[in-house]
């Protein structure tokens, strides 16, 4: 699969129906923490690159990932046990 690109990434998710104000507050705090020098240092020592972002950007990323992996599973006729 020469065109397959795989990345490992982590994200914070809230349950469906969580009020937008709560999501916004969690997002602000997570982004603030990811800018903290101590947090950045700990993460970088683990080989991670903190990025942060918006809930909308995360939603877009998830949509893209689902489409990519769904296509791969379908095209390769993969099954799981």
PDB file of N, CA and C in Angstrom:
ATOM      1  N   UNK A   1       0.836  -1.170   0.000  1.00  0.00           N
ATOM      2  CA  UNK A   1       0.000   0.000   0.000  1.00  0.00           C
ATOM      3  C   UNK A   1       0.889   1.244   0.000  1.00  0.00           C
ATOM      4  N   UNK A   2       1.461   1.554  -1.109  1.00  0.00           N
ATOM      5  CA  UNK A   2       2.435   2.645  -1.169  1.00  0.00           C
ATOM      6  C   UNK A   2       1.871   4.035  -0.870  1.00  0.00           C
ATOM      7  N   UNK A   3       0.588   4.243  -1.079  1.00  0.00           N
ATOM      8  CA  UNK A   3       0.013   5.570  -0.839  1.00  0.00           C
ATOM      9  C   UNK A   3      -0.566   5.735   0.561  1.00  0.00           C
ATOM     10  N   UNK A   4      -0.443   4.726   1.392  1.00  0.00           N
ATOM     11  CA  UNK A   4      -1.029   4.778   2.724  1.00  0.00           C
ATOM     12  C   UNK A   4      -0.125   5.569   3.664  1.00  0.00           C
ATOM     13  N   UNK A   5      -0.702   6.574   4.293  1.00  0.00           N
ATOM     14  CA  UNK A   5       0.014   7.379   5.280  1.00  0.00           C
ATOM     15  C   UNK A   5      -0.672   7.194   6.628  1.00  0.00           C
ATOM     16  N   UNK A   6       0.106   6.827   7.641  1.00  0.00           N
ATOM     17  CA  UNK A   6      -0.450   6.551   8.959  1.00  0.00           C
ATOM     18  C   UNK A   6       0.221   7.451   9.985  1.00  0.00           C
ATOM     19  N   UNK A   7      -0.600   8.087  10.807  1.00  0.00           N
ATOM     20  CA  UNK A   7      -0.100   8.911  11.907  1.00  0.00           C
ATOM     21  C   UNK A   7      -0.802   8.470  13.184  1.00  0.00           C
ATOM     22  N   UNK A   8      -0.117   8.594  14.281  1.00  0.00           N
ATOM     23  CA  UNK A   8      -0.741   8.384  15.575  1.00  0.00           C
ATOM     24  C   UNK A   8      -1.079   9.755  16.131  1.00  0.00           C
ATOM     25  N   UNK A   9      -2.303   9.915  16.608  1.00  0.00           N
ATOM     26  CA  UNK A   9      -2.688  11.195  17.180  1.00  0.00           C
ATOM     27  C   UNK A   9      -3.649  10.951  18.335  1.00  0.00           C
ATOM     28  N   UNK A  10      -3.730  11.901  19.204  1.00  0.00           N
ATOM     29  CA  UNK A  10      -4.574  11.809  20.387  1.00  0.00           C
ATOM     30  C   UNK A  10      -5.489  13.021  20.422  1.00  0.00           C
ATOM     31  N   UNK A  11      -6.657  12.850  21.009  1.00  0.00           N
ATOM     32  CA  UNK A  11      -7.605  13.956  21.116  1.00  0.00           C
ATOM     33  C   UNK A  11      -8.466  13.756  22.357  1.00  0.00           C
ATOM     34  N   UNK A  12      -9.070  14.839  22.782  1.00  0.00           N
ATOM     35  CA  UNK A  12     -10.037  14.793  23.878  1.00  0.00           C
ATOM     36  C   UNK A  12     -11.431  14.861  23.276  1.00  0.00           C
ATOM     37  N   UNK A  13     -12.320  13.993  23.755  1.00  0.00           N
ATOM     38  CA  UNK A  13     -13.699  13.977  23.286  1.00  0.00           C
ATOM     39  C   UNK A  13     -14.626  14.115  24.488  1.00  0.00           C
ATOM     40  N   UNK A  14     -15.755  14.735  24.258  1.00  0.00           N
ATOM     41  CA  UNK A  14     -16.802  14.841  25.276  1.00  0.00           C
ATOM     42  C   UNK A  14     -18.008  14.055  24.780  1.00  0.00           C
ATOM     43  N   UNK A  15     -18.868  13.635  25.689  1.00  0.00           N
ATOM     44  CA  UNK A  15     -20.058  12.897  25.261  1.00  0.00           C
ATOM     45  C   UNK A  15     -20.936  13.742  24.335  1.00  0.00           C
ATOM     46  N   UNK A  16     -21.628  13.068  23.432  1.00  0.00           N
ATOM     47  CA  UNK A  16     -22.580  13.756  22.561  1.00  0.00           C
ATOM     48  C   UNK A  16     -23.572  14.519  23.428  1.00  0.00           C
ATOM     49  N   UNK A  17     -23.921  15.703  22.993  1.00  0.00           N
ATOM     50  CA  UNK A  17     -24.884  16.509  23.729  1.00  0.00           C
ATOM     51  C   UNK A  17     -24.269  17.394  24.799  1.00  0.00           C
ATOM     52  N   UNK A  18     -22.949  17.334  24.973  1.00  0.00           N
ATOM     53  CA  UNK A  18     -22.304  18.218  25.943  1.00  0.00           C
ATOM     54  C   UNK A  18     -22.537  19.657  25.491  1.00  0.00           C
ATOM     55  N   UNK A  19     -22.974  20.529  26.399  1.00  0.00           N
ATOM     56  CA  UNK A  19     -23.232  21.922  26.016  1.00  0.00           C
ATOM     57  C   UNK A  19     -21.998  22.586  25.398  1.00  0.00           C
ATOM     58  N   UNK A  20     -22.243  23.417  24.388  1.00  0.00           N
ATOM     59  CA  UNK A  20     -21.162  24.108  23.694  1.00  0.00           C
ATOM     60  C   UNK A  20     -20.284  24.926  24.607  1.00  0.00           C
ATOM     61  N   UNK A  21     -20.863  25.499  25.648  1.00  0.00           N
ATOM     62  CA  UNK A  21     -20.054  26.298  26.581  1.00  0.00           C
ATOM     63  C   UNK A  21     -19.040  25.427  27.310  1.00  0.00           C
ATOM     64  N   UNK A  22     -19.440  24.218  27.644  1.00  0.00           N
ATOM     65  CA  UNK A  22     -18.529  23.285  28.321  1.00  0.00           C
ATOM     66  C   UNK A  22     -17.445  22.834  27.352  1.00  0.00           C
ATOM     67  N   UNK A  23     -17.819  22.507  26.122  1.00  0.00           N
ATOM     68  CA  UNK A  23     -16.839  22.102  25.113  1.00  0.00           C
ATOM     69  C   UNK A  23     -15.832  23.234  24.899  1.00  0.00           C
ATOM     70  N   UNK A  24     -16.317  24.462  24.796  1.00  0.00           N
ATOM     71  CA  UNK A  24     -15.429  25.618  24.589  1.00  0.00           C
ATOM     72  C   UNK A  24     -14.472  25.792  25.764  1.00  0.00           C
ATOM     73  N   UNK A  25     -14.979  25.616  26.974  1.00  0.00           N
ATOM     74  CA  UNK A  25     -14.124  25.755  28.159  1.00  0.00           C
ATOM     75  C   UNK A  25     -13.055  24.656  28.195  1.00  0.00           C
ATOM     76  N   UNK A  26     -13.448  23.429  27.933  1.00  0.00           N
ATOM     77  CA  UNK A  26     -12.477  22.330  27.903  1.00  0.00           C
ATOM     78  C   UNK A  26     -11.432  22.565  26.816  1.00  0.00           C
ATOM     79  N   UNK A  27     -11.870  23.046  25.663  1.00  0.00           N
ATOM     80  CA  UNK A  27     -10.952  23.322  24.566  1.00  0.00           C
ATOM     81  C   UNK A  27      -9.951  24.419  24.932  1.00  0.00           C
ATOM     82  N   UNK A  28     -10.441  25.491  25.528  1.00  0.00           N
ATOM     83  CA  UNK A  28      -9.542  26.585  25.957  1.00  0.00           C
ATOM     84  C   UNK A  28      -8.485  26.076  26.933  1.00  0.00           C
ATOM     85  N   UNK A  29      -8.932  25.304  27.914  1.00  0.00           N
ATOM     86  CA  UNK A  29      -8.004  24.804  28.932  1.00  0.00           C
ATOM     87  C   UNK A  29      -7.005  23.817  28.345  1.00  0.00           C
ATOM     88  N   UNK A  30      -7.465  22.936  27.476  1.00  0.00           N
ATOM     89  CA  UNK A  30      -6.554  21.976  26.843  1.00  0.00           C
ATOM     90  C   UNK A  30      -5.508  22.711  26.006  1.00  0.00           C
ATOM     91  N   UNK A  31      -5.942  23.689  25.226  1.00  0.00           N
ATOM     92  CA  UNK A  31      -4.989  24.468  24.419  1.00  0.00           C
ATOM     93  C   UNK A  31      -4.015  25.242  25.292  1.00  0.00           C
ATOM     94  N   UNK A  32      -4.512  25.785  26.402  1.00  0.00           N
ATOM     95  CA  UNK A  32      -3.639  26.514  27.329  1.00  0.00           C
ATOM     96  C   UNK A  32      -2.584  25.573  27.909  1.00  0.00           C
ATOM     97  N   UNK A  33      -3.012  24.385  28.329  1.00  0.00           N
ATOM     98  CA  UNK A  33      -2.067  23.415  28.890  1.00  0.00           C
ATOM     99  C   UNK A  33      -1.021  22.981  27.862  1.00  0.00           C
ATOM    100  N   UNK A  34      -1.443  22.827  26.618  1.00  0.00           N
ATOM    101  CA  UNK A  34      -0.501  22.405  25.581  1.00  0.00           C
ATOM    102  C   UNK A  34       0.555  23.467  25.279  1.00  0.00           C
ATOM    103  N   UNK A  35       0.327  24.696  25.720  1.00  0.00           N
ATOM    104  CA  UNK A  35       1.313  25.758  25.549  1.00  0.00           C
ATOM    105  C   UNK A  35       2.241  25.898  26.758  1.00  0.00           C
ATOM    106  N   UNK A  36       1.897  25.233  27.850  1.00  0.00           N
ATOM    107  CA  UNK A  36       2.702  25.312  29.070  1.00  0.00           C
ATOM    108  C   UNK A  36       4.061  24.667  28.816  1.00  0.00           C
ATOM    109  N   UNK A  37       5.163  25.370  29.133  1.00  0.00           N
ATOM    110  CA  UNK A  37       6.502  24.818  28.875  1.00  0.00           C
ATOM    111  C   UNK A  37       6.751  23.458  29.525  1.00  0.00           C
ATOM    112  N   UNK A  38       6.256  23.251  30.742  1.00  0.00           N
ATOM    113  CA  UNK A  38       6.467  21.963  31.406  1.00  0.00           C
ATOM    114  C   UNK A  38       5.708  20.841  30.700  1.00  0.00           C
ATOM    115  N   UNK A  39       4.496  21.116  30.297  1.00  0.00           N
ATOM    116  CA  UNK A  39       3.702  20.118  29.584  1.00  0.00           C
ATOM    117  C   UNK A  39       4.357  19.809  28.238  1.00  0.00           C
ATOM    118  N   UNK A  40       4.774  20.853  27.530  1.00  0.00           N
ATOM    119  CA  UNK A  40       5.443  20.647  26.239  1.00  0.00           C
ATOM    120  C   UNK A  40       6.699  19.800  26.404  1.00  0.00           C
ATOM    121  N   UNK A  41       7.442  20.053  27.480  1.00  0.00           N
ATOM    122  CA  UNK A  41       8.675  19.303  27.730  1.00  0.00           C
ATOM    123  C   UNK A  41       8.376  17.825  27.971  1.00  0.00           C
ATOM    124  N   UNK A  42       7.390  17.552  28.816  1.00  0.00           N
ATOM    125  CA  UNK A  42       7.027  16.161  29.114  1.00  0.00           C
ATOM    126  C   UNK A  42       6.574  15.445  27.839  1.00  0.00           C
ATOM    127  N   UNK A  43       5.749  16.108  27.055  1.00  0.00           N
ATOM    128  CA  UNK A  43       5.248  15.488  25.834  1.00  0.00           C
ATOM    129  C   UNK A  43       6.360  15.271  24.812  1.00  0.00           C
ATOM    130  N   UNK A  44       7.225  16.260  24.679  1.00  0.00           N
ATOM    131  CA  UNK A  44       8.303  16.119  23.689  1.00  0.00           C
ATOM    132  C   UNK A  44       9.269  15.006  24.069  1.00  0.00           C
ATOM    133  N   UNK A  45       9.472  14.770  25.360  1.00  0.00           N
ATOM    134  CA  UNK A  45      10.330  13.668  25.802  1.00  0.00           C
ATOM    135  C   UNK A  45       9.722  12.307  25.459  1.00  0.00           C
ATOM    136  N   UNK A  46       8.417  12.302  25.180  1.00  0.00           N
ATOM    137  CA  UNK A  46       7.735  11.079  24.777  1.00  0.00           C
ATOM    138  C   UNK A  46       7.610  10.987  23.253  1.00  0.00           C
ATOM    139  N   UNK A  47       8.210  11.947  22.573  1.00  0.00           N
ATOM    140  CA  UNK A  47       8.169  11.960  21.116  1.00  0.00           C
ATOM    141  C   UNK A  47       6.890  12.540  20.542  1.00  0.00           C
ATOM    142  N   UNK A  48       6.139  13.262  21.369  1.00  0.00           N
ATOM    143  CA  UNK A  48       4.875  13.834  20.927  1.00  0.00           C
ATOM    144  C   UNK A  48       5.043  15.305  20.572  1.00  0.00           C
ATOM    145  N   UNK A  49       4.218  15.769  19.647  1.00  0.00           N
ATOM    146  CA  UNK A  49       4.228  17.178  19.244  1.00  0.00           C
ATOM    147  C   UNK A  49       2.848  17.743  19.558  1.00  0.00           C
ATOM    148  N   UNK A  50       2.724  18.506  20.652  1.00  0.00           N
ATOM    149  CA  UNK A  50       1.408  19.051  20.994  1.00  0.00           C
ATOM    150  C   UNK A  50       0.955  20.068  19.960  1.00  0.00           C
ATOM    151  N   UNK A  51      -0.307  19.938  19.537  1.00  0.00           N
ATOM    152  CA  UNK A  51      -0.796  20.831  18.495  1.00  0.00           C
ATOM    153  C   UNK A  51      -1.992  21.657  18.950  1.00  0.00           C
ATOM    154  N   UNK A  52      -2.920  21.065  19.652  1.00  0.00           N
ATOM    155  CA  UNK A  52      -4.123  21.796  20.018  1.00  0.00           C
ATOM    156  C   UNK A  52      -4.967  22.101  18.797  1.00  0.00           C
ATOM    157  N   UNK A  53      -5.948  22.959  18.976  1.00  0.00           N
ATOM    158  CA  UNK A  53      -6.815  23.340  17.874  1.00  0.00           C
ATOM    159  C   UNK A  53      -8.227  23.583  18.338  1.00  0.00           C
ATOM    160  N   UNK A  54      -9.147  23.561  17.392  1.00  0.00           N
ATOM    161  CA  UNK A  54     -10.551  23.840  17.681  1.00  0.00           C
ATOM    162  C   UNK A  54     -11.376  22.557  17.614  1.00  0.00           C
ATOM    163  N   UNK A  55     -12.544  22.569  18.254  1.00  0.00           N
ATOM    164  CA  UNK A  55     -13.437  21.414  18.122  1.00  0.00           C
ATOM    165  C   UNK A  55     -13.817  21.161  16.657  1.00  0.00           C
ATOM    166  N   UNK A  56     -13.978  22.224  15.899  1.00  0.00           N
ATOM    167  CA  UNK A  56     -14.349  22.077  14.491  1.00  0.00           C
ATOM    168  C   UNK A  56     -13.235  21.388  13.697  1.00  0.00           C
ATOM    169  N   UNK A  57     -11.994  21.765  13.970  1.00  0.00           N
ATOM    170  CA  UNK A  57     -10.862  21.140  13.281  1.00  0.00           C
ATOM    171  C   UNK A  57     -10.762  19.657  13.661  1.00  0.00           C
ATOM    172  N   UNK A  58     -11.021  19.339  14.917  1.00  0.00           N
ATOM    173  CA  UNK A  58     -11.004  17.936  15.339  1.00  0.00           C
ATOM    174  C   UNK A  58     -12.118  17.159  14.640  1.00  0.00           C
ATOM    175  N   UNK A  59     -13.293  17.737  14.549  1.00  0.00           N
ATOM    176  CA  UNK A  59     -14.394  17.085  13.850  1.00  0.00           C
ATOM    177  C   UNK A  59     -14.042  16.793  12.405  1.00  0.00           C
ATOM    178  N   UNK A  60     -13.383  17.751  11.761  1.00  0.00           N
ATOM    179  CA  UNK A  60     -12.944  17.570  10.371  1.00  0.00           C
ATOM    180  C   UNK A  60     -11.926  16.437  10.285  1.00  0.00           C
ATOM    181  N   UNK A  61     -11.001  16.398  11.224  1.00  0.00           N
ATOM    182  CA  UNK A  61      -9.973  15.346  11.235  1.00  0.00           C
ATOM    183  C   UNK A  61     -10.601  13.970  11.387  1.00  0.00           C
ATOM    184  N   UNK A  62     -11.542  13.870  12.314  1.00  0.00           N
ATOM    185  CA  UNK A  62     -12.212  12.583  12.543  1.00  0.00           C
ATOM    186  C   UNK A  62     -12.964  12.151  11.289  1.00  0.00           C
ATOM    187  N   UNK A  63     -13.663  13.079  10.648  1.00  0.00           N
ATOM    188  CA  UNK A  63     -14.390  12.775   9.417  1.00  0.00           C
ATOM    189  C   UNK A  63     -13.440  12.250   8.341  1.00  0.00           C
ATOM    190  N   UNK A  64     -12.292  12.897   8.194  1.00  0.00           N
ATOM    191  CA  UNK A  64     -11.303  12.469   7.202  1.00  0.00           C
ATOM    192  C   UNK A  64     -10.740  11.092   7.535  1.00  0.00           C
ATOM    193  N   UNK A  65     -10.445  10.858   8.797  1.00  0.00           N
ATOM    194  CA  UNK A  65      -9.890   9.570   9.211  1.00  0.00           C
ATOM    195  C   UNK A  65     -10.898   8.439   8.979  1.00  0.00           C
ATOM    196  N   UNK A  66     -12.148   8.672   9.339  1.00  0.00           N
ATOM    197  CA  UNK A  66     -13.176   7.648   9.127  1.00  0.00           C
ATOM    198  C   UNK A  66     -13.295   7.325   7.643  1.00  0.00           C
ATOM    199  N   UNK A  67     -13.305   8.361   6.805  1.00  0.00           N
ATOM    200  CA  UNK A  67     -13.410   8.137   5.358  1.00  0.00           C
ATOM    201  C   UNK A  67     -12.210   7.348   4.843  1.00  0.00           C
ATOM    202  N   UNK A  68     -11.010   7.728   5.290  1.00  0.00           N
ATOM    203  CA  UNK A  68      -9.803   7.046   4.824  1.00  0.00           C
ATOM    204  C   UNK A  68      -9.808   5.570   5.216  1.00  0.00           C
ATOM    205  N   UNK A  69     -10.066   5.293   6.486  1.00  0.00           N
ATOM    206  CA  UNK A  69      -9.994   3.913   6.954  1.00  0.00           C
ATOM    207  C   UNK A  69     -11.168   3.084   6.458  1.00  0.00           C
ATOM    208  N   UNK A  70     -12.331   3.698   6.305  1.00  0.00           N
ATOM    209  CA  UNK A  70     -13.480   2.979   5.749  1.00  0.00           C
ATOM    210  C   UNK A  70     -13.191   2.536   4.321  1.00  0.00           C
ATOM    211  N   UNK A  71     -12.598   3.423   3.538  1.00  0.00           N
ATOM    212  CA  UNK A  71     -12.248   3.104   2.155  1.00  0.00           C
ATOM    213  C   UNK A  71     -11.237   1.952   2.114  1.00  0.00           C
ATOM    214  N   UNK A  72     -10.222   2.013   2.961  1.00  0.00           N
ATOM    215  CA  UNK A  72      -9.217   0.953   2.997  1.00  0.00           C
ATOM    216  C   UNK A  72      -9.858  -0.392   3.333  1.00  0.00           C
ATOM    217  N   UNK A  73     -10.700  -0.406   4.351  1.00  0.00           N
ATOM    218  CA  UNK A  73     -11.362  -1.654   4.763  1.00  0.00           C
ATOM    219  C   UNK A  73     -12.214  -2.196   3.622  1.00  0.00           C
ATOM    220  N   UNK A  74     -12.966  -1.308   2.973  1.00  0.00           N
ATOM    221  CA  UNK A  74     -13.832  -1.740   1.867  1.00  0.00           C
ATOM    222  C   UNK A  74     -13.002  -2.207   0.670  1.00  0.00           C
ATOM    223  N   UNK A  75     -12.021  -1.402   0.256  1.00  0.00           N
ATOM    224  CA  UNK A  75     -11.210  -1.742  -0.916  1.00  0.00           C
ATOM    225  C   UNK A  75     -10.455  -3.051  -0.739  1.00  0.00           C
ATOM    226  N   UNK A  76      -9.965  -3.303   0.456  1.00  0.00           N
ATOM    227  CA  UNK A  76      -9.183  -4.517   0.723  1.00  0.00           C
ATOM    228  C   UNK A  76     -10.042  -5.680   1.207  1.00  0.00           C
ATOM    229  N   UNK A  77     -11.360  -5.435   1.323  1.00  0.00           N
ATOM    230  CA  UNK A  77     -12.299  -6.455   1.782  1.00  0.00           C
ATOM    231  C   UNK A  77     -11.841  -7.060   3.119  1.00  0.00           C
ATOM    232  N   UNK A  78     -11.441  -6.165   4.009  1.00  0.00           N
ATOM    233  CA  UNK A  78     -10.966  -6.607   5.315  1.00  0.00           C
ATOM    234  C   UNK A  78     -12.145  -6.975   6.208  1.00  0.00           C
ATOM    235  N   UNK A  79     -11.948  -7.986   7.033  1.00  0.00           N
ATOM    236  CA  UNK A  79     -12.935  -8.358   8.033  1.00  0.00           C
ATOM    237  C   UNK A  79     -12.226  -8.465   9.373  1.00  0.00           C
ATOM    238  N   UNK A  80     -12.984  -8.310  10.420  1.00  0.00           N
ATOM    239  CA  UNK A  80     -12.407  -8.314  11.761  1.00  0.00           C
ATOM    240  C   UNK A  80     -13.135  -9.327  12.622  1.00  0.00           C
ATOM    241  N   UNK A  81     -12.394  -9.954  13.512  1.00  0.00           N
ATOM    242  CA  UNK A  81     -12.972 -10.966  14.392  1.00  0.00           C
ATOM    243  C   UNK A  81     -12.961 -10.466  15.809  1.00  0.00           C
TER     244      UNK A  81
END
